[in-house]
């Protein structure tokens, strides 16, 4: 069974597909870096949509999601965006935790696994 890599960089790939599964690395805001949790979440979910499409799948096939927030007090703000994006009836298993992220400008990081 082959392994496909998407967005390969020197340290990591944005996604790796093996068999019928696609594993995304944790995504942080590119365009919305330093902006609100709402804007960062929108940016990240847009990136996830694009990576999943490149890998031959989409958000209706999400299996799991891990979300890291730099401040758990922003949980409702992030969920307001997530709830409008996630495919109802196809919601993944999900965990959300507070964690110190790689840089203070990042307030949200999201990683998902999807079927294809």
PDB file of N, CA and C in Angstrom:
ATOM      1  N   UNK A   1       0.855  -1.163   0.000  1.00  0.00           N
ATOM      2  CA  UNK A   1       0.000   0.000   0.000  1.00  0.00           C
ATOM      3  C   UNK A   1       0.907   1.234   0.000  1.00  0.00           C
ATOM      4  N   UNK A   2       0.631   2.157  -0.887  1.00  0.00           N
ATOM      5  CA  UNK A   2       1.506   3.318  -1.024  1.00  0.00           C
ATOM      6  C   UNK A   2       1.156   4.420  -0.025  1.00  0.00           C
ATOM      7  N   UNK A   3       2.121   5.295   0.157  1.00  0.00           N
ATOM      8  CA  UNK A   3       1.949   6.476   0.999  1.00  0.00           C
ATOM      9  C   UNK A   3       2.069   7.686   0.095  1.00  0.00           C
ATOM     10  N   UNK A   4       1.110   8.602   0.194  1.00  0.00           N
ATOM     11  CA  UNK A   4       1.150   9.863  -0.555  1.00  0.00           C
ATOM     12  C   UNK A   4       1.345  10.990   0.440  1.00  0.00           C
ATOM     13  N   UNK A   5       2.189  11.946   0.063  1.00  0.00           N
ATOM     14  CA  UNK A   5       2.434  13.100   0.916  1.00  0.00           C
ATOM     15  C   UNK A   5       2.015  14.365   0.174  1.00  0.00           C
ATOM     16  N   UNK A   6       1.420  15.298   0.897  1.00  0.00           N
ATOM     17  CA  UNK A   6       0.934  16.552   0.318  1.00  0.00           C
ATOM     18  C   UNK A   6       1.567  17.715   1.072  1.00  0.00           C
ATOM     19  N   UNK A   7       2.003  18.728   0.327  1.00  0.00           N
ATOM     20  CA  UNK A   7       2.631  19.883   0.968  1.00  0.00           C
ATOM     21  C   UNK A   7       3.878  19.508   1.725  1.00  0.00           C
ATOM     22  N   UNK A   8       4.750  18.764   1.065  1.00  0.00           N
ATOM     23  CA  UNK A   8       5.965  18.260   1.704  1.00  0.00           C
ATOM     24  C   UNK A   8       6.942  19.404   1.969  1.00  0.00           C
ATOM     25  N   UNK A   9       7.403  19.494   3.183  1.00  0.00           N
ATOM     26  CA  UNK A   9       8.397  20.483   3.567  1.00  0.00           C
ATOM     27  C   UNK A   9       9.595  19.802   4.188  1.00  0.00           C
ATOM     28  N   UNK A  10      10.587  20.569   4.599  1.00  0.00           N
ATOM     29  CA  UNK A  10      11.797  19.971   5.168  1.00  0.00           C
ATOM     30  C   UNK A  10      11.578  19.322   6.528  1.00  0.00           C
ATOM     31  N   UNK A  11      10.567  19.774   7.257  1.00  0.00           N
ATOM     32  CA  UNK A  11      10.317  19.251   8.593  1.00  0.00           C
ATOM     33  C   UNK A  11       9.095  18.337   8.658  1.00  0.00           C
ATOM     34  N   UNK A  12       8.097  18.633   7.823  1.00  0.00           N
ATOM     35  CA  UNK A  12       6.844  17.879   7.888  1.00  0.00           C
ATOM     36  C   UNK A  12       6.051  18.068   6.611  1.00  0.00           C
ATOM     37  N   UNK A  13       5.064  17.223   6.430  1.00  0.00           N
ATOM     38  CA  UNK A  13       4.116  17.344   5.319  1.00  0.00           C
ATOM     39  C   UNK A  13       2.809  17.889   5.875  1.00  0.00           C
ATOM     40  N   UNK A  14       2.062  18.640   5.045  1.00  0.00           N
ATOM     41  CA  UNK A  14       0.753  19.145   5.499  1.00  0.00           C
ATOM     42  C   UNK A  14      -0.228  17.998   5.688  1.00  0.00           C
ATOM     43  N   UNK A  15      -0.067  16.927   4.871  1.00  0.00           N
ATOM     44  CA  UNK A  15      -0.935  15.755   5.004  1.00  0.00           C
ATOM     45  C   UNK A  15      -0.218  14.535   4.465  1.00  0.00           C
ATOM     46  N   UNK A  16      -0.605  13.385   4.991  1.00  0.00           N
ATOM     47  CA  UNK A  16      -0.097  12.105   4.526  1.00  0.00           C
ATOM     48  C   UNK A  16      -1.288  11.170   4.379  1.00  0.00           C
ATOM     49  N   UNK A  17      -1.390  10.534   3.208  1.00  0.00           N
ATOM     50  CA  UNK A  17      -2.463   9.572   2.961  1.00  0.00           C
ATOM     51  C   UNK A  17      -1.868   8.177   2.896  1.00  0.00           C
ATOM     52  N   UNK A  18      -2.538   7.255   3.537  1.00  0.00           N
ATOM     53  CA  UNK A  18      -2.147   5.845   3.503  1.00  0.00           C
ATOM     54  C   UNK A  18      -3.432   5.041   3.439  1.00  0.00           C
ATOM     55  N   UNK A  19      -3.568   4.248   2.401  1.00  0.00           N
ATOM     56  CA  UNK A  19      -4.815   3.509   2.228  1.00  0.00           C
ATOM     57  C   UNK A  19      -5.967   4.476   2.055  1.00  0.00           C
ATOM     58  N   UNK A  20      -7.007   4.276   2.834  1.00  0.00           N
ATOM     59  CA  UNK A  20      -8.191   5.121   2.745  1.00  0.00           C
ATOM     60  C   UNK A  20      -8.232   6.217   3.811  1.00  0.00           C
ATOM     61  N   UNK A  21      -7.090   6.494   4.430  1.00  0.00           N
ATOM     62  CA  UNK A  21      -7.049   7.513   5.472  1.00  0.00           C
ATOM     63  C   UNK A  21      -6.120   8.651   5.082  1.00  0.00           C
ATOM     64  N   UNK A  22      -6.509   9.870   5.470  1.00  0.00           N
ATOM     65  CA  UNK A  22      -5.697  11.060   5.252  1.00  0.00           C
ATOM     66  C   UNK A  22      -5.481  11.718   6.611  1.00  0.00           C
ATOM     67  N   UNK A  23      -4.215  11.903   6.965  1.00  0.00           N
ATOM     68  CA  UNK A  23      -3.827  12.487   8.241  1.00  0.00           C
ATOM     69  C   UNK A  23      -3.281  13.889   7.997  1.00  0.00           C
ATOM     70  N   UNK A  24      -3.921  14.903   8.537  1.00  0.00           N
ATOM     71  CA  UNK A  24      -3.433  16.275   8.391  1.00  0.00           C
ATOM     72  C   UNK A  24      -2.600  16.661   9.598  1.00  0.00           C
ATOM     73  N   UNK A  25      -1.505  17.361   9.328  1.00  0.00           N
ATOM     74  CA  UNK A  25      -0.718  17.949  10.404  1.00  0.00           C
ATOM     75  C   UNK A  25      -1.544  19.050  11.053  1.00  0.00           C
ATOM     76  N   UNK A  26      -1.158  19.469  12.219  1.00  0.00           N
ATOM     77  CA  UNK A  26      -1.832  20.589  12.860  1.00  0.00           C
ATOM     78  C   UNK A  26      -1.708  21.829  11.983  1.00  0.00           C
ATOM     79  N   UNK A  27      -2.842  22.450  11.702  1.00  0.00           N
ATOM     80  CA  UNK A  27      -2.873  23.643  10.850  1.00  0.00           C
ATOM     81  C   UNK A  27      -3.059  24.881  11.724  1.00  0.00           C
ATOM     82  N   UNK A  28      -2.274  25.902  11.418  1.00  0.00           N
ATOM     83  CA  UNK A  28      -2.409  27.193  12.091  1.00  0.00           C
ATOM     84  C   UNK A  28      -2.727  28.241  11.034  1.00  0.00           C
ATOM     85  N   UNK A  29      -3.188  29.388  11.489  1.00  0.00           N
ATOM     86  CA  UNK A  29      -3.602  30.457  10.571  1.00  0.00           C
ATOM     87  C   UNK A  29      -2.411  30.996   9.785  1.00  0.00           C
ATOM     88  N   UNK A  30      -2.548  31.047   8.468  1.00  0.00           N
ATOM     89  CA  UNK A  30      -1.541  31.680   7.617  1.00  0.00           C
ATOM     90  C   UNK A  30      -1.891  33.149   7.437  1.00  0.00           C
ATOM     91  N   UNK A  31      -3.038  33.391   6.840  1.00  0.00           N
ATOM     92  CA  UNK A  31      -3.466  34.761   6.531  1.00  0.00           C
ATOM     93  C   UNK A  31      -3.923  35.518   7.772  1.00  0.00           C
ATOM     94  N   UNK A  32      -4.507  34.818   8.728  1.00  0.00           N
ATOM     95  CA  UNK A  32      -5.090  35.472   9.906  1.00  0.00           C
ATOM     96  C   UNK A  32      -4.187  35.407  11.137  1.00  0.00           C
ATOM     97  N   UNK A  33      -2.916  35.109  10.950  1.00  0.00           N
ATOM     98  CA  UNK A  33      -1.975  35.046  12.074  1.00  0.00           C
ATOM     99  C   UNK A  33      -2.044  36.349  12.865  1.00  0.00           C
ATOM    100  N   UNK A  34      -2.207  36.244  14.184  1.00  0.00           N
ATOM    101  CA  UNK A  34      -2.271  37.415  15.041  1.00  0.00           C
ATOM    102  C   UNK A  34      -3.656  38.037  15.153  1.00  0.00           C
ATOM    103  N   UNK A  35      -4.618  37.542  14.390  1.00  0.00           N
ATOM    104  CA  UNK A  35      -5.981  38.073  14.447  1.00  0.00           C
ATOM    105  C   UNK A  35      -6.805  37.303  15.475  1.00  0.00           C
ATOM    106  N   UNK A  36      -8.090  37.565  15.512  1.00  0.00           N
ATOM    107  CA  UNK A  36      -8.983  36.946  16.505  1.00  0.00           C
ATOM    108  C   UNK A  36      -9.091  35.437  16.310  1.00  0.00           C
ATOM    109  N   UNK A  37      -9.576  34.773  17.341  1.00  0.00           N
ATOM    110  CA  UNK A  37      -9.825  33.328  17.264  1.00  0.00           C
ATOM    111  C   UNK A  37     -10.810  33.036  16.135  1.00  0.00           C
ATOM    112  N   UNK A  38     -11.811  33.868  15.975  1.00  0.00           N
ATOM    113  CA  UNK A  38     -12.780  33.686  14.897  1.00  0.00           C
ATOM    114  C   UNK A  38     -12.086  33.690  13.544  1.00  0.00           C
ATOM    115  N   UNK A  39     -11.266  34.694  13.287  1.00  0.00           N
ATOM    116  CA  UNK A  39     -10.583  34.803  11.993  1.00  0.00           C
ATOM    117  C   UNK A  39      -9.567  33.689  11.798  1.00  0.00           C
ATOM    118  N   UNK A  40      -8.843  33.331  12.844  1.00  0.00           N
ATOM    119  CA  UNK A  40      -7.875  32.239  12.726  1.00  0.00           C
ATOM    120  C   UNK A  40      -8.579  30.918  12.447  1.00  0.00           C
ATOM    121  N   UNK A  41      -9.699  30.673  13.120  1.00  0.00           N
ATOM    122  CA  UNK A  41     -10.443  29.426  12.890  1.00  0.00           C
ATOM    123  C   UNK A  41     -10.954  29.364  11.457  1.00  0.00           C
ATOM    124  N   UNK A  42     -11.498  30.457  10.950  1.00  0.00           N
ATOM    125  CA  UNK A  42     -11.962  30.495   9.554  1.00  0.00           C
ATOM    126  C   UNK A  42     -10.819  30.196   8.591  1.00  0.00           C
ATOM    127  N   UNK A  43      -9.671  30.810   8.821  1.00  0.00           N
ATOM    128  CA  UNK A  43      -8.491  30.611   7.978  1.00  0.00           C
ATOM    129  C   UNK A  43      -8.070  29.145   7.993  1.00  0.00           C
ATOM    130  N   UNK A  44      -7.978  28.569   9.174  1.00  0.00           N
ATOM    131  CA  UNK A  44      -7.548  27.176   9.313  1.00  0.00           C
ATOM    132  C   UNK A  44      -8.532  26.226   8.630  1.00  0.00           C
ATOM    133  N   UNK A  45      -9.811  26.424   8.829  1.00  0.00           N
ATOM    134  CA  UNK A  45     -10.797  25.525   8.221  1.00  0.00           C
ATOM    135  C   UNK A  45     -10.770  25.635   6.695  1.00  0.00           C
ATOM    136  N   UNK A  46     -10.496  26.811   6.178  1.00  0.00           N
ATOM    137  CA  UNK A  46     -10.314  26.964   4.735  1.00  0.00           C
ATOM    138  C   UNK A  46      -9.100  26.185   4.242  1.00  0.00           C
ATOM    139  N   UNK A  47      -8.029  26.215   5.009  1.00  0.00           N
ATOM    140  CA  UNK A  47      -6.837  25.441   4.657  1.00  0.00           C
ATOM    141  C   UNK A  47      -7.146  23.941   4.692  1.00  0.00           C
ATOM    142  N   UNK A  48      -7.873  23.526   5.714  1.00  0.00           N
ATOM    143  CA  UNK A  48      -8.237  22.103   5.827  1.00  0.00           C
ATOM    144  C   UNK A  48      -9.066  21.681   4.622  1.00  0.00           C
ATOM    145  N   UNK A  49     -10.040  22.488   4.227  1.00  0.00           N
ATOM    146  CA  UNK A  49     -10.845  22.182   3.035  1.00  0.00           C
ATOM    147  C   UNK A  49      -9.942  21.970   1.818  1.00  0.00           C
ATOM    148  N   UNK A  50      -8.986  22.861   1.614  1.00  0.00           N
ATOM    149  CA  UNK A  50      -8.099  22.790   0.439  1.00  0.00           C
ATOM    150  C   UNK A  50      -7.203  21.559   0.491  1.00  0.00           C
ATOM    151  N   UNK A  51      -6.651  21.248   1.651  1.00  0.00           N
ATOM    152  CA  UNK A  51      -5.765  20.076   1.773  1.00  0.00           C
ATOM    153  C   UNK A  51      -6.561  18.794   1.570  1.00  0.00           C
ATOM    154  N   UNK A  52      -7.732  18.713   2.173  1.00  0.00           N
ATOM    155  CA  UNK A  52      -8.570  17.520   1.992  1.00  0.00           C
ATOM    156  C   UNK A  52      -8.924  17.329   0.513  1.00  0.00           C
ATOM    157  N   UNK A  53      -9.251  18.409  -0.168  1.00  0.00           N
ATOM    158  CA  UNK A  53      -9.572  18.328  -1.599  1.00  0.00           C
ATOM    159  C   UNK A  53      -8.381  17.790  -2.385  1.00  0.00           C
ATOM    160  N   UNK A  54      -7.184  18.320  -2.107  1.00  0.00           N
ATOM    161  CA  UNK A  54      -5.972  17.829  -2.781  1.00  0.00           C
ATOM    162  C   UNK A  54      -5.755  16.337  -2.548  1.00  0.00           C
ATOM    163  N   UNK A  55      -6.154  15.880  -1.375  1.00  0.00           N
ATOM    164  CA  UNK A  55      -5.969  14.471  -1.013  1.00  0.00           C
ATOM    165  C   UNK A  55      -7.123  13.585  -1.462  1.00  0.00           C
ATOM    166  N   UNK A  56      -8.119  14.165  -2.133  1.00  0.00           N
ATOM    167  CA  UNK A  56      -9.219  13.369  -2.664  1.00  0.00           C
ATOM    168  C   UNK A  56     -10.343  13.085  -1.686  1.00  0.00           C
ATOM    169  N   UNK A  57     -10.553  13.990  -0.748  1.00  0.00           N
ATOM    170  CA  UNK A  57     -11.626  13.799   0.224  1.00  0.00           C
ATOM    171  C   UNK A  57     -12.200  15.163   0.616  1.00  0.00           C
ATOM    172  N   UNK A  58     -13.056  15.185   1.627  1.00  0.00           N
ATOM    173  CA  UNK A  58     -13.635  16.454   2.090  1.00  0.00           C
ATOM    174  C   UNK A  58     -14.117  16.300   3.531  1.00  0.00           C
ATOM    175  N   UNK A  59     -14.634  17.399   4.079  1.00  0.00           N
ATOM    176  CA  UNK A  59     -15.024  17.426   5.490  1.00  0.00           C
ATOM    177  C   UNK A  59     -16.178  16.488   5.838  1.00  0.00           C
ATOM    178  N   UNK A  60     -16.926  15.994   4.867  1.00  0.00           N
ATOM    179  CA  UNK A  60     -18.001  15.045   5.165  1.00  0.00           C
ATOM    180  C   UNK A  60     -17.447  13.685   5.578  1.00  0.00           C
ATOM    181  N   UNK A  61     -16.152  13.488   5.369  1.00  0.00           N
ATOM    182  CA  UNK A  61     -15.526  12.206   5.696  1.00  0.00           C
ATOM    183  C   UNK A  61     -14.565  12.300   6.879  1.00  0.00           C
ATOM    184  N   UNK A  62     -14.706  13.368   7.680  1.00  0.00           N
ATOM    185  CA  UNK A  62     -13.855  13.498   8.859  1.00  0.00           C
ATOM    186  C   UNK A  62     -14.110  12.357   9.836  1.00  0.00           C
ATOM    187  N   UNK A  63     -13.028  11.834  10.382  1.00  0.00           N
ATOM    188  CA  UNK A  63     -13.104  10.781  11.392  1.00  0.00           C
ATOM    189  C   UNK A  63     -12.833  11.357  12.772  1.00  0.00           C
ATOM    190  N   UNK A  64     -11.781  12.168  12.858  1.00  0.00           N
ATOM    191  CA  UNK A  64     -11.452  12.769  14.151  1.00  0.00           C
ATOM    192  C   UNK A  64     -10.849  14.149  13.949  1.00  0.00           C
ATOM    193  N   UNK A  65     -10.914  14.939  15.009  1.00  0.00           N
ATOM    194  CA  UNK A  65     -10.323  16.280  15.014  1.00  0.00           C
ATOM    195  C   UNK A  65      -9.734  16.546  16.388  1.00  0.00           C
ATOM    196  N   UNK A  66      -8.564  17.153  16.397  1.00  0.00           N
ATOM    197  CA  UNK A  66      -7.938  17.629  17.629  1.00  0.00           C
ATOM    198  C   UNK A  66      -7.758  19.124  17.485  1.00  0.00           C
ATOM    199  N   UNK A  67      -8.224  19.859  18.484  1.00  0.00           N
ATOM    200  CA  UNK A  67      -8.149  21.316  18.452  1.00  0.00           C
ATOM    201  C   UNK A  67      -7.417  21.789  19.700  1.00  0.00           C
ATOM    202  N   UNK A  68      -6.444  22.663  19.467  1.00  0.00           N
ATOM    203  CA  UNK A  68      -5.695  23.265  20.551  1.00  0.00           C
ATOM    204  C   UNK A  68      -5.991  24.756  20.562  1.00  0.00           C
ATOM    205  N   UNK A  69      -6.330  25.287  21.728  1.00  0.00           N
ATOM    206  CA  UNK A  69      -6.576  26.710  21.912  1.00  0.00           C
ATOM    207  C   UNK A  69      -5.548  27.252  22.900  1.00  0.00           C
ATOM    208  N   UNK A  70      -5.003  28.410  22.616  1.00  0.00           N
ATOM    209  CA  UNK A  70      -4.038  28.993  23.553  1.00  0.00           C
ATOM    210  C   UNK A  70      -4.746  29.485  24.820  1.00  0.00           C
ATOM    211  N   UNK A  71      -6.060  29.714  24.727  1.00  0.00           N
ATOM    212  CA  UNK A  71      -6.858  30.131  25.880  1.00  0.00           C
ATOM    213  C   UNK A  71      -8.226  29.460  25.780  1.00  0.00           C
ATOM    214  N   UNK A  72      -8.513  28.547  26.691  1.00  0.00           N
ATOM    215  CA  UNK A  72      -9.767  27.785  26.643  1.00  0.00           C
ATOM    216  C   UNK A  72     -10.985  28.696  26.789  1.00  0.00           C
ATOM    217  N   UNK A  73     -10.794  29.917  27.241  1.00  0.00           N
ATOM    218  CA  UNK A  73     -11.907  30.865  27.341  1.00  0.00           C
ATOM    219  C   UNK A  73     -12.450  31.227  25.960  1.00  0.00           C
ATOM    220  N   UNK A  74     -11.701  30.929  24.898  1.00  0.00           N
ATOM    221  CA  UNK A  74     -12.148  31.221  23.533  1.00  0.00           C
ATOM    222  C   UNK A  74     -12.868  30.025  22.896  1.00  0.00           C
ATOM    223  N   UNK A  75     -13.171  29.024  23.696  1.00  0.00           N
ATOM    224  CA  UNK A  75     -13.835  27.805  23.220  1.00  0.00           C
ATOM    225  C   UNK A  75     -15.132  28.122  22.463  1.00  0.00           C
ATOM    226  N   UNK A  76     -15.972  28.969  23.025  1.00  0.00           N
ATOM    227  CA  UNK A  76     -17.247  29.325  22.381  1.00  0.00           C
ATOM    228  C   UNK A  76     -17.019  30.072  21.073  1.00  0.00           C
ATOM    229  N   UNK A  77     -16.037  30.950  21.046  1.00  0.00           N
ATOM    230  CA  UNK A  77     -15.730  31.711  19.833  1.00  0.00           C
ATOM    231  C   UNK A  77     -15.282  30.779  18.706  1.00  0.00           C
ATOM    232  N   UNK A  78     -14.410  29.835  19.033  1.00  0.00           N
ATOM    233  CA  UNK A  78     -13.961  28.864  18.032  1.00  0.00           C
ATOM    234  C   UNK A  78     -15.120  27.987  17.585  1.00  0.00           C
ATOM    235  N   UNK A  79     -15.945  27.528  18.543  1.00  0.00           N
ATOM    236  CA  UNK A  79     -17.074  26.652  18.212  1.00  0.00           C
ATOM    237  C   UNK A  79     -18.097  27.333  17.317  1.00  0.00           C
ATOM    238  N   UNK A  80     -18.272  28.636  17.449  1.00  0.00           N
ATOM    239  CA  UNK A  80     -19.223  29.356  16.593  1.00  0.00           C
ATOM    240  C   UNK A  80     -18.831  29.213  15.125  1.00  0.00           C
ATOM    241  N   UNK A  81     -17.533  29.228  14.850  1.00  0.00           N
ATOM    242  CA  UNK A  81     -17.046  29.049  13.477  1.00  0.00           C
ATOM    243  C   UNK A  81     -17.105  27.571  13.093  1.00  0.00           C
ATOM    244  N   UNK A  82     -16.615  26.710  13.970  1.00  0.00           N
ATOM    245  CA  UNK A  82     -16.606  25.264  13.715  1.00  0.00           C
ATOM    246  C   UNK A  82     -18.011  24.757  13.396  1.00  0.00           C
ATOM    247  N   UNK A  83     -18.990  25.143  14.205  1.00  0.00           N
ATOM    248  CA  UNK A  83     -20.360  24.651  14.035  1.00  0.00           C
ATOM    249  C   UNK A  83     -20.956  25.053  12.686  1.00  0.00           C
ATOM    250  N   UNK A  84     -20.558  26.187  12.165  1.00  0.00           N
ATOM    251  CA  UNK A  84     -21.027  26.618  10.849  1.00  0.00           C
ATOM    252  C   UNK A  84     -20.304  25.938   9.701  1.00  0.00           C
ATOM    253  N   UNK A  85     -19.159  25.342   9.996  1.00  0.00           N
ATOM    254  CA  UNK A  85     -18.332  24.701   8.960  1.00  0.00           C
ATOM    255  C   UNK A  85     -18.530  23.191   8.903  1.00  0.00           C
ATOM    256  N   UNK A  86     -18.568  22.546  10.047  1.00  0.00           N
ATOM    257  CA  UNK A  86     -18.592  21.081  10.082  1.00  0.00           C
ATOM    258  C   UNK A  86     -19.875  20.565   9.431  1.00  0.00           C
ATOM    259  N   UNK A  87     -19.771  19.415   8.758  1.00  0.00           N
ATOM    260  CA  UNK A  87     -20.904  18.811   8.071  1.00  0.00           C
ATOM    261  C   UNK A  87     -21.827  18.128   9.081  1.00  0.00           C
ATOM    262  N   UNK A  88     -23.007  18.709   9.295  1.00  0.00           N
ATOM    263  CA  UNK A  88     -23.949  18.137  10.253  1.00  0.00           C
ATOM    264  C   UNK A  88     -24.332  16.717   9.825  1.00  0.00           C
ATOM    265  N   UNK A  89     -24.370  15.827  10.794  1.00  0.00           N
ATOM    266  CA  UNK A  89     -24.634  14.417  10.517  1.00  0.00           C
ATOM    267  C   UNK A  89     -23.357  13.646  10.212  1.00  0.00           C
ATOM    268  N   UNK A  90     -22.253  14.369   9.998  1.00  0.00           N
ATOM    269  CA  UNK A  90     -20.951  13.756   9.718  1.00  0.00           C
ATOM    270  C   UNK A  90     -19.886  14.291  10.656  1.00  0.00           C
ATOM    271  N   UNK A  91     -20.291  14.682  11.856  1.00  0.00           N
ATOM    272  CA  UNK A  91     -19.342  15.274  12.790  1.00  0.00           C
ATOM    273  C   UNK A  91     -18.339  14.223  13.280  1.00  0.00           C
ATOM    274  N   UNK A  92     -17.065  14.625  13.383  1.00  0.00           N
ATOM    275  CA  UNK A  92     -16.027  13.683  13.801  1.00  0.00           C
ATOM    276  C   UNK A  92     -15.972  13.524  15.317  1.00  0.00           C
ATOM    277  N   UNK A  93     -15.269  12.502  15.758  1.00  0.00           N
ATOM    278  CA  UNK A  93     -14.871  12.442  17.164  1.00  0.00           C
ATOM    279  C   UNK A  93     -13.926  13.632  17.348  1.00  0.00           C
ATOM    280  N   UNK A  94     -13.995  14.308  18.498  1.00  0.00           N
ATOM    281  CA  UNK A  94     -13.208  15.540  18.624  1.00  0.00           C
ATOM    282  C   UNK A  94     -12.740  15.746  20.052  1.00  0.00           C
ATOM    283  N   UNK A  95     -11.536  16.302  20.165  1.00  0.00           N
ATOM    284  CA  UNK A  95     -11.009  16.735  21.457  1.00  0.00           C
ATOM    285  C   UNK A  95     -10.546  18.175  21.315  1.00  0.00           C
ATOM    286  N   UNK A  96     -10.783  18.968  22.342  1.00  0.00           N
ATOM    287  CA  UNK A  96     -10.318  20.350  22.359  1.00  0.00           C
ATOM    288  C   UNK A  96      -9.652  20.598  23.704  1.00  0.00           C
ATOM    289  N   UNK A  97      -8.419  21.115  23.648  1.00  0.00           N
ATOM    290  CA  UNK A  97      -7.677  21.372  24.876  1.00  0.00           C
ATOM    291  C   UNK A  97      -6.992  22.735  24.806  1.00  0.00           C
ATOM    292  N   UNK A  98      -6.615  23.226  25.968  1.00  0.00           N
ATOM    293  CA  UNK A  98      -5.820  24.447  26.036  1.00  0.00           C
ATOM    294  C   UNK A  98      -4.349  24.041  26.028  1.00  0.00           C
ATOM    295  N   UNK A  99      -3.553  24.746  25.228  1.00  0.00           N
ATOM    296  CA  UNK A  99      -2.124  24.442  25.148  1.00  0.00           C
ATOM    297  C   UNK A  99      -1.362  25.680  24.695  1.00  0.00           C
ATOM    298  N   UNK A 100      -0.123  25.745  25.094  1.00  0.00           N
ATOM    299  CA  UNK A 100       0.757  26.791  24.593  1.00  0.00           C
ATOM    300  C   UNK A 100       1.141  26.409  23.170  1.00  0.00           C
ATOM    301  N   UNK A 101       0.889  27.303  22.203  1.00  0.00           N
ATOM    302  CA  UNK A 101       1.162  26.994  20.803  1.00  0.00           C
ATOM    303  C   UNK A 101       2.557  27.485  20.412  1.00  0.00           C
ATOM    304  N   UNK A 102       2.981  27.182  19.184  1.00  0.00           N
ATOM    305  CA  UNK A 102       4.351  27.429  18.731  1.00  0.00           C
ATOM    306  C   UNK A 102       4.779  28.889  18.782  1.00  0.00           C
ATOM    307  N   UNK A 103       3.845  29.806  18.596  1.00  0.00           N
ATOM    308  CA  UNK A 103       4.149  31.235  18.635  1.00  0.00           C
ATOM    309  C   UNK A 103       2.957  31.961  19.243  1.00  0.00           C
ATOM    310  N   UNK A 104       3.187  33.065  19.940  1.00  0.00           N
ATOM    311  CA  UNK A 104       2.074  33.762  20.599  1.00  0.00           C
ATOM    312  C   UNK A 104       1.029  34.329  19.630  1.00  0.00           C
ATOM    313  N   UNK A 105       1.376  34.498  18.367  1.00  0.00           N
ATOM    314  CA  UNK A 105       0.420  35.004  17.369  1.00  0.00           C
ATOM    315  C   UNK A 105      -0.625  33.955  16.993  1.00  0.00           C
ATOM    316  N   UNK A 106      -0.342  32.700  17.301  1.00  0.00           N
ATOM    317  CA  UNK A 106      -1.284  31.620  17.013  1.00  0.00           C
ATOM    318  C   UNK A 106      -2.149  31.364  18.238  1.00  0.00           C
ATOM    319  N   UNK A 107      -3.468  31.341  18.040  1.00  0.00           N
ATOM    320  CA  UNK A 107      -4.382  31.082  19.146  1.00  0.00           C
ATOM    321  C   UNK A 107      -5.185  29.796  18.944  1.00  0.00           C
ATOM    322  N   UNK A 108      -5.098  29.229  17.732  1.00  0.00           N
ATOM    323  CA  UNK A 108      -5.840  28.009  17.393  1.00  0.00           C
ATOM    324  C   UNK A 108      -4.951  27.128  16.526  1.00  0.00           C
ATOM    325  N   UNK A 109      -5.004  25.828  16.761  1.00  0.00           N
ATOM    326  CA  UNK A 109      -4.379  24.847  15.874  1.00  0.00           C
ATOM    327  C   UNK A 109      -5.347  23.674  15.752  1.00  0.00           C
ATOM    328  N   UNK A 110      -5.515  23.172  14.530  1.00  0.00           N
ATOM    329  CA  UNK A 110      -6.459  22.077  14.296  1.00  0.00           C
ATOM    330  C   UNK A 110      -5.802  21.004  13.437  1.00  0.00           C
ATOM    331  N   UNK A 111      -5.937  19.752  13.853  1.00  0.00           N
ATOM    332  CA  UNK A 111      -5.483  18.598  13.066  1.00  0.00           C
ATOM    333  C   UNK A 111      -6.667  17.656  12.891  1.00  0.00           C
ATOM    334  N   UNK A 112      -6.810  17.088  11.702  1.00  0.00           N
ATOM    335  CA  UNK A 112      -7.903  16.159  11.449  1.00  0.00           C
ATOM    336  C   UNK A 112      -7.406  14.900  10.762  1.00  0.00           C
ATOM    337  N   UNK A 113      -8.210  13.873  10.846  1.00  0.00           N
ATOM    338  CA  UNK A 113      -8.024  12.630  10.090  1.00  0.00           C
ATOM    339  C   UNK A 113      -9.330  12.412   9.337  1.00  0.00           C
ATOM    340  N   UNK A 114      -9.208  12.060   8.058  1.00  0.00           N
ATOM    341  CA  UNK A 114     -10.399  11.834   7.219  1.00  0.00           C
ATOM    342  C   UNK A 114     -10.252  10.551   6.431  1.00  0.00           C
ATOM    343  N   UNK A 115     -11.373   9.971   6.074  1.00  0.00           N
ATOM    344  CA  UNK A 115     -11.401   8.839   5.152  1.00  0.00           C
ATOM    345  C   UNK A 115     -11.454   9.391   3.732  1.00  0.00           C
ATOM    346  N   UNK A 116     -11.121   8.555   2.757  1.00  0.00           N
ATOM    347  CA  UNK A 116     -11.309   8.970   1.361  1.00  0.00           C
ATOM    348  C   UNK A 116     -11.808   7.807   0.538  1.00  0.00           C
TER     349      UNK A 116
END
